[in-house]
């Protein structure tokens, strides 16, 4: 064996020993010591589903904090760290419906006569809401409409839900005719901010 190969072998053995030492040191820093960690796992396996917290690592952390900042309130810190987390009951996929515009709600603006202007016929009750607009090559303008839990991509002349005819699509509104009542409504498209 040449000297170069012997040096490579000794170097790889030294690096391996250093790696084993560093891994052992990391584990002992995280869990206190390997013997205490093994005892802790053994008692945790024997105890119920909510094992008591070991106060030794907490005391160690608090003593480190005390040396860094003597003004800390350690009693409050102990109470905070031992409290269980509250239950999360909110559904992260449950979103409220966006607010409707005055024309979608059926309200009349100030220019429409306001209160006391007489009995005006109620606007048609169309359940569609305009969500957006886009322009595609070869197709033209298309609008995105929502009806309860359905979303539709519509073009001029389409019939939606076998009831609503799309008469006109512009970047700011969609003109829809209710085939059952014969009434026409402009659905404003919300503008991106």
N, C-alpha and C. Protein backbone atom coordinates (compact mmCIF):
# COMPACT_ATOMS: atom_id res chain seq x y z
N UNK A 1 0.84 -1.17 0.00
CA UNK A 1 0.00 0.00 0.00
C UNK A 1 0.89 1.23 0.00
N UNK A 2 0.52 2.18 -0.84
CA UNK A 2 1.35 3.38 -0.92
C UNK A 2 0.99 4.35 0.21
N UNK A 3 1.84 5.34 0.38
CA UNK A 3 1.65 6.33 1.44
C UNK A 3 0.37 7.13 1.20
N UNK A 4 0.12 7.43 -0.05
CA UNK A 4 -1.07 8.23 -0.39
C UNK A 4 -2.34 7.46 0.00
N UNK A 5 -2.41 6.17 -0.28
CA UNK A 5 -3.58 5.37 0.06
C UNK A 5 -3.74 5.25 1.57
N UNK A 6 -2.63 5.15 2.30
CA UNK A 6 -2.69 5.07 3.76
C UNK A 6 -3.24 6.38 4.33
N UNK A 7 -2.79 7.51 3.77
CA UNK A 7 -3.28 8.81 4.24
C UNK A 7 -4.78 8.96 3.95
N UNK A 8 -5.24 8.51 2.78
CA UNK A 8 -6.66 8.58 2.45
C UNK A 8 -7.48 7.74 3.42
N UNK A 9 -6.97 6.55 3.75
CA UNK A 9 -7.68 5.66 4.66
C UNK A 9 -7.74 6.26 6.06
N UNK A 10 -6.64 6.81 6.54
CA UNK A 10 -6.61 7.43 7.87
C UNK A 10 -7.52 8.66 7.89
N UNK A 11 -7.49 9.45 6.83
CA UNK A 11 -8.35 10.64 6.75
C UNK A 11 -9.83 10.27 6.75
N UNK A 12 -10.20 9.23 6.01
CA UNK A 12 -11.61 8.83 5.99
C UNK A 12 -12.05 8.28 7.34
N UNK A 13 -11.16 7.56 8.03
CA UNK A 13 -11.49 7.07 9.37
C UNK A 13 -11.65 8.24 10.35
N UNK A 14 -10.79 9.23 10.25
CA UNK A 14 -10.89 10.40 11.13
C UNK A 14 -12.18 11.17 10.85
N UNK A 15 -12.55 11.35 9.58
CA UNK A 15 -13.79 12.05 9.26
C UNK A 15 -15.00 11.26 9.74
N UNK A 16 -14.97 9.94 9.61
CA UNK A 16 -16.07 9.11 10.09
C UNK A 16 -16.23 9.23 11.59
N UNK A 17 -15.12 9.20 12.32
CA UNK A 17 -15.17 9.33 13.79
C UNK A 17 -15.69 10.71 14.18
N UNK A 18 -15.28 11.75 13.46
CA UNK A 18 -15.76 13.10 13.75
C UNK A 18 -17.27 13.19 13.50
N UNK A 19 -17.76 12.56 12.44
CA UNK A 19 -19.20 12.58 12.15
C UNK A 19 -19.99 11.87 13.24
N UNK A 20 -19.52 10.72 13.67
CA UNK A 20 -20.20 9.98 14.73
C UNK A 20 -20.22 10.81 16.01
N UNK A 21 -19.11 11.45 16.34
CA UNK A 21 -19.04 12.29 17.53
C UNK A 21 -20.03 13.46 17.44
N UNK A 22 -20.09 14.13 16.28
CA UNK A 22 -21.00 15.26 16.12
C UNK A 22 -22.47 14.85 16.20
N UNK A 23 -22.81 13.70 15.62
CA UNK A 23 -24.19 13.22 15.69
C UNK A 23 -24.54 12.90 17.14
N UNK A 24 -23.65 12.23 17.86
CA UNK A 24 -23.88 11.92 19.26
C UNK A 24 -24.05 13.20 20.08
N UNK A 25 -23.22 14.20 19.82
CA UNK A 25 -23.30 15.48 20.55
C UNK A 25 -24.61 16.18 20.24
N UNK A 26 -25.04 16.15 19.00
CA UNK A 26 -26.31 16.77 18.62
C UNK A 26 -27.48 16.11 19.34
N UNK A 27 -27.49 14.79 19.35
CA UNK A 27 -28.57 14.07 20.02
C UNK A 27 -28.56 14.35 21.51
N UNK A 28 -27.40 14.39 22.12
CA UNK A 28 -27.34 14.65 23.56
C UNK A 28 -27.73 16.09 23.89
N UNK A 29 -27.48 17.05 23.01
CA UNK A 29 -27.90 18.44 23.23
C UNK A 29 -29.41 18.56 23.14
N UNK A 30 -30.00 17.85 22.19
CA UNK A 30 -31.45 17.96 21.99
C UNK A 30 -32.21 17.29 23.13
N UNK A 31 -31.79 16.12 23.51
CA UNK A 31 -32.57 15.35 24.49
C UNK A 31 -31.93 15.28 25.87
N UNK A 32 -30.99 16.10 26.17
CA UNK A 32 -30.33 16.05 27.48
C UNK A 32 -29.16 15.10 27.40
N UNK A 33 -29.40 13.84 27.63
CA UNK A 33 -28.38 12.81 27.45
C UNK A 33 -29.07 11.56 26.91
N UNK A 34 -28.35 10.70 26.22
CA UNK A 34 -28.98 9.52 25.62
C UNK A 34 -29.63 8.61 26.66
N UNK A 35 -29.04 8.51 27.85
CA UNK A 35 -29.61 7.65 28.88
C UNK A 35 -30.94 8.23 29.34
N UNK A 36 -30.99 9.57 29.60
CA UNK A 36 -32.24 10.20 30.03
C UNK A 36 -33.29 10.12 28.93
N UNK A 37 -32.86 10.26 27.66
CA UNK A 37 -33.80 10.19 26.54
C UNK A 37 -34.42 8.80 26.46
N UNK A 38 -33.61 7.75 26.67
CA UNK A 38 -34.12 6.39 26.63
C UNK A 38 -35.11 6.16 27.77
N UNK A 39 -34.79 6.68 28.97
CA UNK A 39 -35.72 6.55 30.10
C UNK A 39 -37.02 7.30 29.82
N UNK A 40 -36.90 8.48 29.21
CA UNK A 40 -38.09 9.28 28.91
C UNK A 40 -38.99 8.57 27.91
N UNK A 41 -38.39 7.93 26.90
CA UNK A 41 -39.19 7.20 25.91
C UNK A 41 -39.86 5.99 26.54
N UNK A 42 -39.15 5.34 27.46
CA UNK A 42 -39.69 4.16 28.12
C UNK A 42 -40.89 4.53 28.98
N UNK A 43 -40.78 5.63 29.75
CA UNK A 43 -41.90 6.05 30.59
C UNK A 43 -43.04 6.60 29.76
N UNK A 44 -42.73 7.21 28.64
CA UNK A 44 -43.79 7.73 27.77
C UNK A 44 -44.58 6.58 27.15
N UNK A 45 -43.92 5.48 26.85
CA UNK A 45 -44.61 4.33 26.28
C UNK A 45 -45.53 3.69 27.31
N UNK A 46 -45.14 3.74 28.58
CA UNK A 46 -45.95 3.14 29.63
C UNK A 46 -47.11 4.03 30.06
N UNK A 47 -46.95 5.33 29.94
CA UNK A 47 -47.98 6.25 30.44
C UNK A 47 -49.13 6.36 29.46
N UNK A 48 -50.11 7.18 29.81
CA UNK A 48 -51.30 7.36 28.98
C UNK A 48 -50.96 8.20 27.76
N UNK A 49 -51.99 8.55 26.99
CA UNK A 49 -51.78 9.30 25.75
C UNK A 49 -51.29 10.72 26.01
N UNK A 50 -51.50 11.28 27.17
CA UNK A 50 -51.02 12.62 27.51
C UNK A 50 -49.96 12.53 28.60
N UNK A 51 -48.72 12.19 28.24
CA UNK A 51 -47.68 12.06 29.25
C UNK A 51 -47.33 13.42 29.83
N UNK A 52 -46.94 13.48 31.10
CA UNK A 52 -46.56 14.76 31.70
C UNK A 52 -45.26 15.25 31.09
N UNK A 53 -45.14 16.57 31.00
CA UNK A 53 -43.93 17.17 30.44
C UNK A 53 -42.79 17.09 31.45
N UNK A 54 -41.62 16.83 30.94
CA UNK A 54 -40.44 16.83 31.80
C UNK A 54 -40.05 18.27 32.07
N UNK A 55 -39.88 18.60 33.32
CA UNK A 55 -39.55 19.99 33.65
C UNK A 55 -38.06 20.25 33.59
N UNK A 56 -37.25 19.20 33.46
CA UNK A 56 -35.80 19.39 33.44
C UNK A 56 -35.34 20.19 32.21
N UNK A 57 -35.78 19.86 30.97
CA UNK A 57 -35.36 20.69 29.84
C UNK A 57 -35.90 22.12 29.95
N UNK A 58 -37.10 22.27 30.53
CA UNK A 58 -37.67 23.60 30.71
C UNK A 58 -36.82 24.42 31.68
N UNK A 59 -36.40 23.79 32.77
CA UNK A 59 -35.55 24.49 33.74
C UNK A 59 -34.23 24.89 33.08
N UNK A 60 -33.72 24.03 32.24
CA UNK A 60 -32.45 24.32 31.57
C UNK A 60 -32.61 25.53 30.65
N UNK A 61 -33.72 25.58 29.90
CA UNK A 61 -33.97 26.71 29.01
C UNK A 61 -34.19 27.99 29.80
N UNK A 62 -34.91 27.90 30.91
CA UNK A 62 -35.17 29.09 31.72
C UNK A 62 -33.89 29.62 32.34
N UNK A 63 -33.01 28.74 32.75
CA UNK A 63 -31.74 29.22 33.31
C UNK A 63 -30.90 29.90 32.24
N UNK A 64 -30.97 29.40 30.99
CA UNK A 64 -30.26 30.08 29.90
C UNK A 64 -30.85 31.47 29.67
N UNK A 65 -32.18 31.58 29.70
CA UNK A 65 -32.84 32.87 29.50
C UNK A 65 -32.53 33.83 30.66
N UNK A 66 -32.46 33.30 31.87
CA UNK A 66 -32.20 34.15 33.02
C UNK A 66 -30.83 34.81 32.93
N UNK A 67 -29.88 34.09 32.40
CA UNK A 67 -28.55 34.68 32.28
C UNK A 67 -28.52 35.72 31.16
N UNK A 68 -29.40 35.57 30.15
CA UNK A 68 -29.42 36.52 29.05
C UNK A 68 -30.21 37.77 29.39
N UNK A 69 -31.35 37.64 30.07
CA UNK A 69 -32.19 38.80 30.39
C UNK A 69 -32.79 38.60 31.79
N UNK A 70 -32.23 39.28 32.78
CA UNK A 70 -32.73 39.10 34.15
C UNK A 70 -34.13 39.71 34.37
N UNK A 71 -34.65 40.49 33.44
CA UNK A 71 -35.94 41.13 33.61
C UNK A 71 -37.12 40.28 33.17
N UNK A 72 -36.88 39.05 32.71
CA UNK A 72 -37.98 38.19 32.26
C UNK A 72 -38.82 37.72 33.44
N UNK A 73 -40.10 37.57 33.20
CA UNK A 73 -41.01 37.03 34.21
C UNK A 73 -41.11 35.53 33.97
N UNK A 74 -40.38 34.77 34.77
CA UNK A 74 -40.27 33.34 34.53
C UNK A 74 -41.53 32.58 34.92
N UNK A 75 -42.27 33.08 35.89
CA UNK A 75 -43.51 32.40 36.27
C UNK A 75 -44.51 32.44 35.11
N UNK A 76 -44.61 33.60 34.46
CA UNK A 76 -45.51 33.72 33.31
C UNK A 76 -45.03 32.82 32.16
N UNK A 77 -43.73 32.73 31.98
CA UNK A 77 -43.18 31.87 30.93
C UNK A 77 -43.50 30.41 31.21
N UNK A 78 -43.38 29.98 32.46
CA UNK A 78 -43.70 28.60 32.83
C UNK A 78 -45.17 28.30 32.57
N UNK A 79 -46.04 29.23 32.95
CA UNK A 79 -47.48 29.02 32.74
C UNK A 79 -47.80 28.96 31.25
N UNK A 80 -47.15 29.79 30.48
CA UNK A 80 -47.42 29.82 29.04
C UNK A 80 -46.96 28.55 28.35
N UNK A 81 -45.79 28.04 28.72
CA UNK A 81 -45.26 26.87 28.03
C UNK A 81 -45.96 25.58 28.44
N UNK A 82 -46.64 25.54 29.58
CA UNK A 82 -47.31 24.32 30.00
C UNK A 82 -48.78 24.29 29.62
N UNK A 83 -49.31 25.38 29.07
CA UNK A 83 -50.72 25.43 28.66
C UNK A 83 -50.93 24.63 27.39
N UNK A 84 -52.05 23.85 27.31
CA UNK A 84 -52.33 23.13 26.06
C UNK A 84 -52.87 24.10 25.01
N UNK A 85 -52.69 23.73 23.75
CA UNK A 85 -53.19 24.55 22.65
C UNK A 85 -54.70 24.41 22.54
N UNK A 86 -55.40 25.49 22.15
CA UNK A 86 -56.86 25.39 21.99
C UNK A 86 -57.21 24.57 20.76
N UNK A 87 -58.42 24.01 20.76
CA UNK A 87 -58.93 23.25 19.62
C UNK A 87 -59.18 24.20 18.46
N UNK A 88 -58.86 23.79 17.26
CA UNK A 88 -59.15 24.59 16.07
C UNK A 88 -60.43 24.05 15.46
N UNK A 89 -61.52 24.83 15.56
CA UNK A 89 -62.81 24.36 15.06
C UNK A 89 -63.18 25.01 13.73
N UNK A 90 -62.40 25.98 13.26
CA UNK A 90 -62.72 26.68 12.02
C UNK A 90 -62.33 25.81 10.83
N UNK A 91 -63.22 25.77 9.83
CA UNK A 91 -62.94 25.03 8.61
C UNK A 91 -62.12 25.93 7.68
N UNK A 92 -60.89 25.57 7.33
CA UNK A 92 -60.07 26.46 6.50
C UNK A 92 -60.55 26.58 5.07
N UNK A 93 -61.51 25.75 4.66
CA UNK A 93 -62.00 25.80 3.29
C UNK A 93 -63.39 26.42 3.19
N UNK A 94 -63.87 26.99 4.29
CA UNK A 94 -65.19 27.61 4.31
C UNK A 94 -65.03 29.12 4.17
N UNK A 95 -65.39 29.65 2.98
CA UNK A 95 -65.26 31.08 2.73
C UNK A 95 -66.64 31.71 2.60
N UNK A 96 -66.83 32.89 3.19
CA UNK A 96 -68.13 33.54 3.01
C UNK A 96 -68.27 34.05 1.58
N UNK A 97 -69.51 34.20 1.16
CA UNK A 97 -69.78 34.70 -0.20
C UNK A 97 -69.38 36.17 -0.28
N UNK A 98 -68.88 36.62 -1.42
CA UNK A 98 -68.50 38.03 -1.55
C UNK A 98 -69.74 38.91 -1.49
N UNK A 99 -69.59 40.16 -1.04
CA UNK A 99 -70.74 41.05 -0.96
C UNK A 99 -71.30 41.35 -2.35
N UNK A 100 -72.61 41.45 -2.42
CA UNK A 100 -73.26 41.73 -3.69
C UNK A 100 -73.29 43.24 -3.95
N UNK A 101 -73.25 43.61 -5.22
CA UNK A 101 -73.35 45.02 -5.59
C UNK A 101 -74.81 45.45 -5.44
N UNK A 102 -75.09 46.76 -5.43
CA UNK A 102 -76.47 47.21 -5.29
C UNK A 102 -77.38 46.68 -6.41
N UNK A 103 -76.86 46.56 -7.62
CA UNK A 103 -77.72 46.05 -8.70
C UNK A 103 -78.00 44.56 -8.53
N UNK A 104 -77.05 43.82 -7.98
CA UNK A 104 -77.27 42.40 -7.74
C UNK A 104 -78.23 42.18 -6.58
N UNK A 105 -78.22 43.09 -5.59
CA UNK A 105 -79.14 42.99 -4.46
C UNK A 105 -80.53 43.46 -4.84
N UNK A 106 -80.63 44.14 -5.95
CA UNK A 106 -81.93 44.62 -6.37
C UNK A 106 -82.23 46.02 -5.87
N UNK A 107 -81.25 46.68 -5.29
CA UNK A 107 -81.45 48.03 -4.77
C UNK A 107 -81.38 49.04 -5.88
N UNK A 108 -82.00 50.16 -5.68
CA UNK A 108 -81.98 51.24 -6.65
C UNK A 108 -81.14 52.36 -6.06
N UNK A 109 -80.31 52.96 -6.86
CA UNK A 109 -79.45 54.04 -6.40
C UNK A 109 -80.23 55.33 -6.22
N UNK A 110 -79.54 56.40 -5.88
CA UNK A 110 -80.16 57.70 -5.67
C UNK A 110 -80.78 58.19 -6.97
N UNK A 111 -80.12 57.94 -8.09
CA UNK A 111 -80.65 58.39 -9.37
C UNK A 111 -81.89 57.62 -9.76
N UNK A 112 -82.11 56.46 -9.19
CA UNK A 112 -83.26 55.64 -9.53
C UNK A 112 -84.53 56.08 -8.84
N UNK A 113 -84.52 57.13 -8.09
CA UNK A 113 -85.72 57.61 -7.46
C UNK A 113 -85.65 57.57 -5.96
N UNK A 114 -84.95 56.61 -5.39
CA UNK A 114 -84.79 56.55 -3.94
C UNK A 114 -86.09 56.14 -3.26
N UNK A 115 -86.17 56.44 -1.97
CA UNK A 115 -87.33 56.08 -1.16
C UNK A 115 -88.47 57.04 -1.47
N UNK A 116 -89.65 56.52 -1.57
CA UNK A 116 -90.84 57.34 -1.76
C UNK A 116 -91.08 57.73 -3.20
N UNK A 117 -90.38 57.17 -4.15
CA UNK A 117 -90.57 57.54 -5.54
C UNK A 117 -91.73 56.79 -6.16
N UNK A 118 -92.40 55.98 -5.42
CA UNK A 118 -93.53 55.21 -5.94
C UNK A 118 -93.17 53.74 -5.99
N UNK A 119 -94.14 52.95 -6.28
CA UNK A 119 -93.92 51.51 -6.32
C UNK A 119 -93.34 51.12 -7.67
N UNK A 120 -92.11 50.74 -7.67
CA UNK A 120 -91.44 50.31 -8.89
C UNK A 120 -91.47 48.79 -8.94
N UNK A 121 -91.50 48.23 -10.11
CA UNK A 121 -91.50 46.76 -10.19
C UNK A 121 -90.17 46.22 -9.65
N UNK A 122 -90.24 45.10 -8.97
CA UNK A 122 -89.04 44.49 -8.40
C UNK A 122 -88.14 44.00 -9.52
N UNK A 123 -86.82 44.18 -9.37
CA UNK A 123 -85.92 43.68 -10.40
C UNK A 123 -85.95 42.16 -10.42
N UNK A 124 -85.61 41.58 -11.54
CA UNK A 124 -85.65 40.12 -11.64
C UNK A 124 -84.66 39.49 -10.66
N UNK A 125 -85.02 38.36 -10.18
CA UNK A 125 -84.18 37.63 -9.23
C UNK A 125 -83.34 36.62 -9.99
N UNK A 126 -82.19 37.07 -10.43
CA UNK A 126 -81.27 36.18 -11.14
C UNK A 126 -80.18 35.79 -10.15
N UNK A 127 -79.98 34.50 -10.02
CA UNK A 127 -79.02 34.01 -9.03
C UNK A 127 -77.58 34.02 -9.53
N UNK A 128 -77.36 34.41 -10.77
CA UNK A 128 -76.00 34.44 -11.31
C UNK A 128 -75.23 35.63 -10.77
N UNK A 129 -73.91 35.45 -10.59
CA UNK A 129 -72.99 36.54 -10.22
C UNK A 129 -71.85 36.52 -11.21
N UNK A 130 -71.43 37.71 -11.62
CA UNK A 130 -70.27 37.80 -12.52
C UNK A 130 -69.01 37.78 -11.68
N UNK A 131 -68.06 36.95 -12.07
CA UNK A 131 -66.79 36.82 -11.34
C UNK A 131 -65.62 37.47 -12.07
N UNK A 132 -65.60 37.40 -13.39
CA UNK A 132 -64.46 37.94 -14.12
C UNK A 132 -64.69 37.93 -15.61
N UNK A 133 -63.68 38.46 -16.32
CA UNK A 133 -63.74 38.61 -17.77
C UNK A 133 -62.36 38.34 -18.34
N UNK A 134 -62.33 37.74 -19.53
CA UNK A 134 -61.04 37.59 -20.23
C UNK A 134 -61.30 37.64 -21.72
N UNK A 135 -60.24 37.90 -22.47
CA UNK A 135 -60.32 37.98 -23.93
C UNK A 135 -59.44 36.89 -24.49
N UNK A 136 -60.00 36.03 -25.36
CA UNK A 136 -59.23 34.95 -25.97
C UNK A 136 -59.21 35.14 -27.47
N UNK A 137 -58.06 34.83 -28.07
CA UNK A 137 -57.92 34.95 -29.52
C UNK A 137 -58.84 33.96 -30.22
N UNK A 138 -59.50 34.41 -31.25
CA UNK A 138 -60.37 33.55 -32.03
C UNK A 138 -61.74 33.33 -31.42
N UNK A 139 -61.88 33.58 -30.12
CA UNK A 139 -63.16 33.34 -29.44
C UNK A 139 -63.81 34.66 -29.07
N UNK A 140 -63.02 35.61 -28.65
CA UNK A 140 -63.53 36.91 -28.21
C UNK A 140 -63.63 36.95 -26.69
N UNK A 141 -64.49 37.80 -26.22
CA UNK A 141 -64.64 37.96 -24.78
C UNK A 141 -65.38 36.79 -24.16
N UNK A 142 -64.93 36.41 -22.99
CA UNK A 142 -65.62 35.38 -22.24
C UNK A 142 -65.74 35.83 -20.80
N UNK A 143 -66.84 35.47 -20.16
CA UNK A 143 -67.09 35.87 -18.78
C UNK A 143 -67.16 34.63 -17.91
N UNK A 144 -66.89 34.85 -16.63
CA UNK A 144 -66.96 33.78 -15.65
C UNK A 144 -68.11 34.12 -14.71
N UNK A 145 -69.11 33.24 -14.68
CA UNK A 145 -70.30 33.46 -13.86
C UNK A 145 -70.42 32.35 -12.84
N UNK A 146 -71.00 32.69 -11.68
CA UNK A 146 -71.22 31.71 -10.63
C UNK A 146 -72.70 31.65 -10.30
N UNK A 147 -73.18 30.44 -10.08
CA UNK A 147 -74.56 30.21 -9.67
C UNK A 147 -74.52 29.20 -8.54
N UNK A 148 -74.67 29.65 -7.31
CA UNK A 148 -74.52 28.87 -6.08
C UNK A 148 -73.17 28.14 -6.09
N UNK A 149 -73.12 26.85 -6.35
CA UNK A 149 -71.84 26.13 -6.30
C UNK A 149 -71.30 25.80 -7.69
N UNK A 150 -71.86 26.35 -8.74
CA UNK A 150 -71.40 26.10 -10.10
C UNK A 150 -70.71 27.34 -10.66
N UNK A 151 -69.64 27.15 -11.42
CA UNK A 151 -68.96 28.24 -12.11
C UNK A 151 -69.03 27.94 -13.60
N UNK A 152 -69.40 28.96 -14.38
CA UNK A 152 -69.57 28.80 -15.82
C UNK A 152 -68.63 29.74 -16.56
N UNK A 153 -68.04 29.25 -17.65
CA UNK A 153 -67.29 30.08 -18.58
C UNK A 153 -68.22 30.26 -19.77
N UNK A 154 -68.65 31.51 -20.00
CA UNK A 154 -69.69 31.74 -21.00
C UNK A 154 -69.21 32.69 -22.08
N UNK A 155 -69.83 32.56 -23.25
CA UNK A 155 -69.59 33.43 -24.39
C UNK A 155 -70.93 33.99 -24.82
N UNK A 156 -70.89 35.00 -25.64
CA UNK A 156 -72.13 35.62 -26.12
C UNK A 156 -72.96 34.58 -26.87
N UNK A 157 -74.25 34.49 -26.52
CA UNK A 157 -75.15 33.54 -27.16
C UNK A 157 -75.32 32.23 -26.41
N UNK A 158 -74.54 31.99 -25.36
CA UNK A 158 -74.68 30.75 -24.58
C UNK A 158 -75.95 30.78 -23.73
N UNK A 159 -76.47 29.58 -23.43
CA UNK A 159 -77.60 29.41 -22.52
C UNK A 159 -77.06 28.74 -21.27
N UNK A 160 -77.27 29.37 -20.10
CA UNK A 160 -76.74 28.87 -18.84
C UNK A 160 -77.90 28.32 -18.01
N UNK A 161 -77.74 27.13 -17.48
CA UNK A 161 -78.74 26.45 -16.63
C UNK A 161 -80.09 26.32 -17.32
N UNK A 162 -80.10 26.23 -18.62
CA UNK A 162 -81.31 26.10 -19.43
C UNK A 162 -82.31 27.22 -19.17
N UNK A 163 -81.79 28.37 -18.70
CA UNK A 163 -82.69 29.46 -18.33
C UNK A 163 -82.16 30.84 -18.71
N UNK A 164 -80.85 31.07 -18.59
CA UNK A 164 -80.29 32.40 -18.77
C UNK A 164 -79.53 32.49 -20.09
N UNK A 165 -79.93 33.41 -20.96
CA UNK A 165 -79.27 33.63 -22.24
C UNK A 165 -78.26 34.77 -22.07
N UNK A 166 -77.04 34.57 -22.52
CA UNK A 166 -76.00 35.59 -22.45
C UNK A 166 -76.14 36.45 -23.71
N UNK A 167 -76.57 37.69 -23.53
CA UNK A 167 -76.80 38.57 -24.66
C UNK A 167 -75.55 39.33 -25.07
N UNK A 168 -74.81 39.86 -24.08
CA UNK A 168 -73.65 40.70 -24.42
C UNK A 168 -72.62 40.60 -23.29
N UNK A 169 -71.35 40.55 -23.68
CA UNK A 169 -70.25 40.50 -22.71
C UNK A 169 -69.30 41.65 -23.00
N UNK A 170 -69.06 42.49 -21.99
CA UNK A 170 -68.08 43.57 -22.07
C UNK A 170 -67.12 43.40 -20.90
N UNK A 171 -65.99 44.11 -20.90
CA UNK A 171 -65.06 43.99 -19.77
C UNK A 171 -65.65 44.45 -18.44
N UNK A 172 -66.74 45.22 -18.45
CA UNK A 172 -67.28 45.74 -17.20
C UNK A 172 -68.60 45.09 -16.79
N UNK A 173 -69.31 44.42 -17.71
CA UNK A 173 -70.61 43.84 -17.35
C UNK A 173 -71.00 42.73 -18.31
N UNK A 174 -71.94 41.92 -17.85
CA UNK A 174 -72.52 40.85 -18.67
C UNK A 174 -74.02 41.10 -18.72
N UNK A 175 -74.59 41.11 -19.92
CA UNK A 175 -76.03 41.30 -20.07
C UNK A 175 -76.67 39.93 -20.21
N UNK A 176 -77.59 39.63 -19.28
CA UNK A 176 -78.20 38.31 -19.20
C UNK A 176 -79.72 38.46 -19.31
N UNK A 177 -80.34 37.58 -20.09
CA UNK A 177 -81.80 37.57 -20.23
C UNK A 177 -82.34 36.31 -19.58
N UNK A 178 -83.30 36.49 -18.67
CA UNK A 178 -83.97 35.36 -18.03
C UNK A 178 -85.04 34.88 -18.99
N UNK A 179 -84.86 33.70 -19.56
CA UNK A 179 -85.78 33.17 -20.56
C UNK A 179 -87.16 32.89 -19.97
N UNK A 180 -87.24 32.58 -18.68
CA UNK A 180 -88.54 32.25 -18.09
C UNK A 180 -89.39 33.50 -17.88
N UNK A 181 -88.76 34.64 -17.50
CA UNK A 181 -89.54 35.86 -17.26
C UNK A 181 -89.39 36.88 -18.38
N UNK A 182 -88.38 36.72 -19.22
CA UNK A 182 -88.16 37.64 -20.32
C UNK A 182 -87.46 38.93 -19.91
N UNK A 183 -87.01 39.03 -18.67
CA UNK A 183 -86.35 40.25 -18.18
C UNK A 183 -84.85 40.17 -18.42
N UNK A 184 -84.26 41.36 -18.62
CA UNK A 184 -82.83 41.46 -18.88
C UNK A 184 -82.15 42.16 -17.72
N UNK A 185 -80.96 41.67 -17.34
CA UNK A 185 -80.20 42.23 -16.21
C UNK A 185 -78.75 42.41 -16.63
N UNK A 186 -78.13 43.48 -16.15
CA UNK A 186 -76.70 43.72 -16.33
C UNK A 186 -75.99 43.28 -15.05
N UNK A 187 -75.11 42.31 -15.16
CA UNK A 187 -74.33 41.85 -14.02
C UNK A 187 -72.95 42.51 -14.08
N UNK A 188 -72.62 43.40 -13.13
CA UNK A 188 -71.31 44.06 -13.18
C UNK A 188 -70.19 43.06 -12.87
N UNK A 189 -69.09 43.21 -13.58
CA UNK A 189 -67.92 42.37 -13.35
C UNK A 189 -67.00 43.12 -12.41
N UNK A 190 -66.63 42.51 -11.27
CA UNK A 190 -65.73 43.20 -10.34
C UNK A 190 -64.38 43.46 -10.99
N UNK A 191 -63.87 44.65 -10.80
CA UNK A 191 -62.58 45.04 -11.39
C UNK A 191 -61.44 44.63 -10.48
N UNK A 192 -60.39 44.09 -11.08
CA UNK A 192 -59.20 43.69 -10.32
C UNK A 192 -58.49 44.93 -9.81
N UNK A 193 -58.02 44.83 -8.58
CA UNK A 193 -57.33 45.98 -7.98
C UNK A 193 -55.85 45.81 -8.02
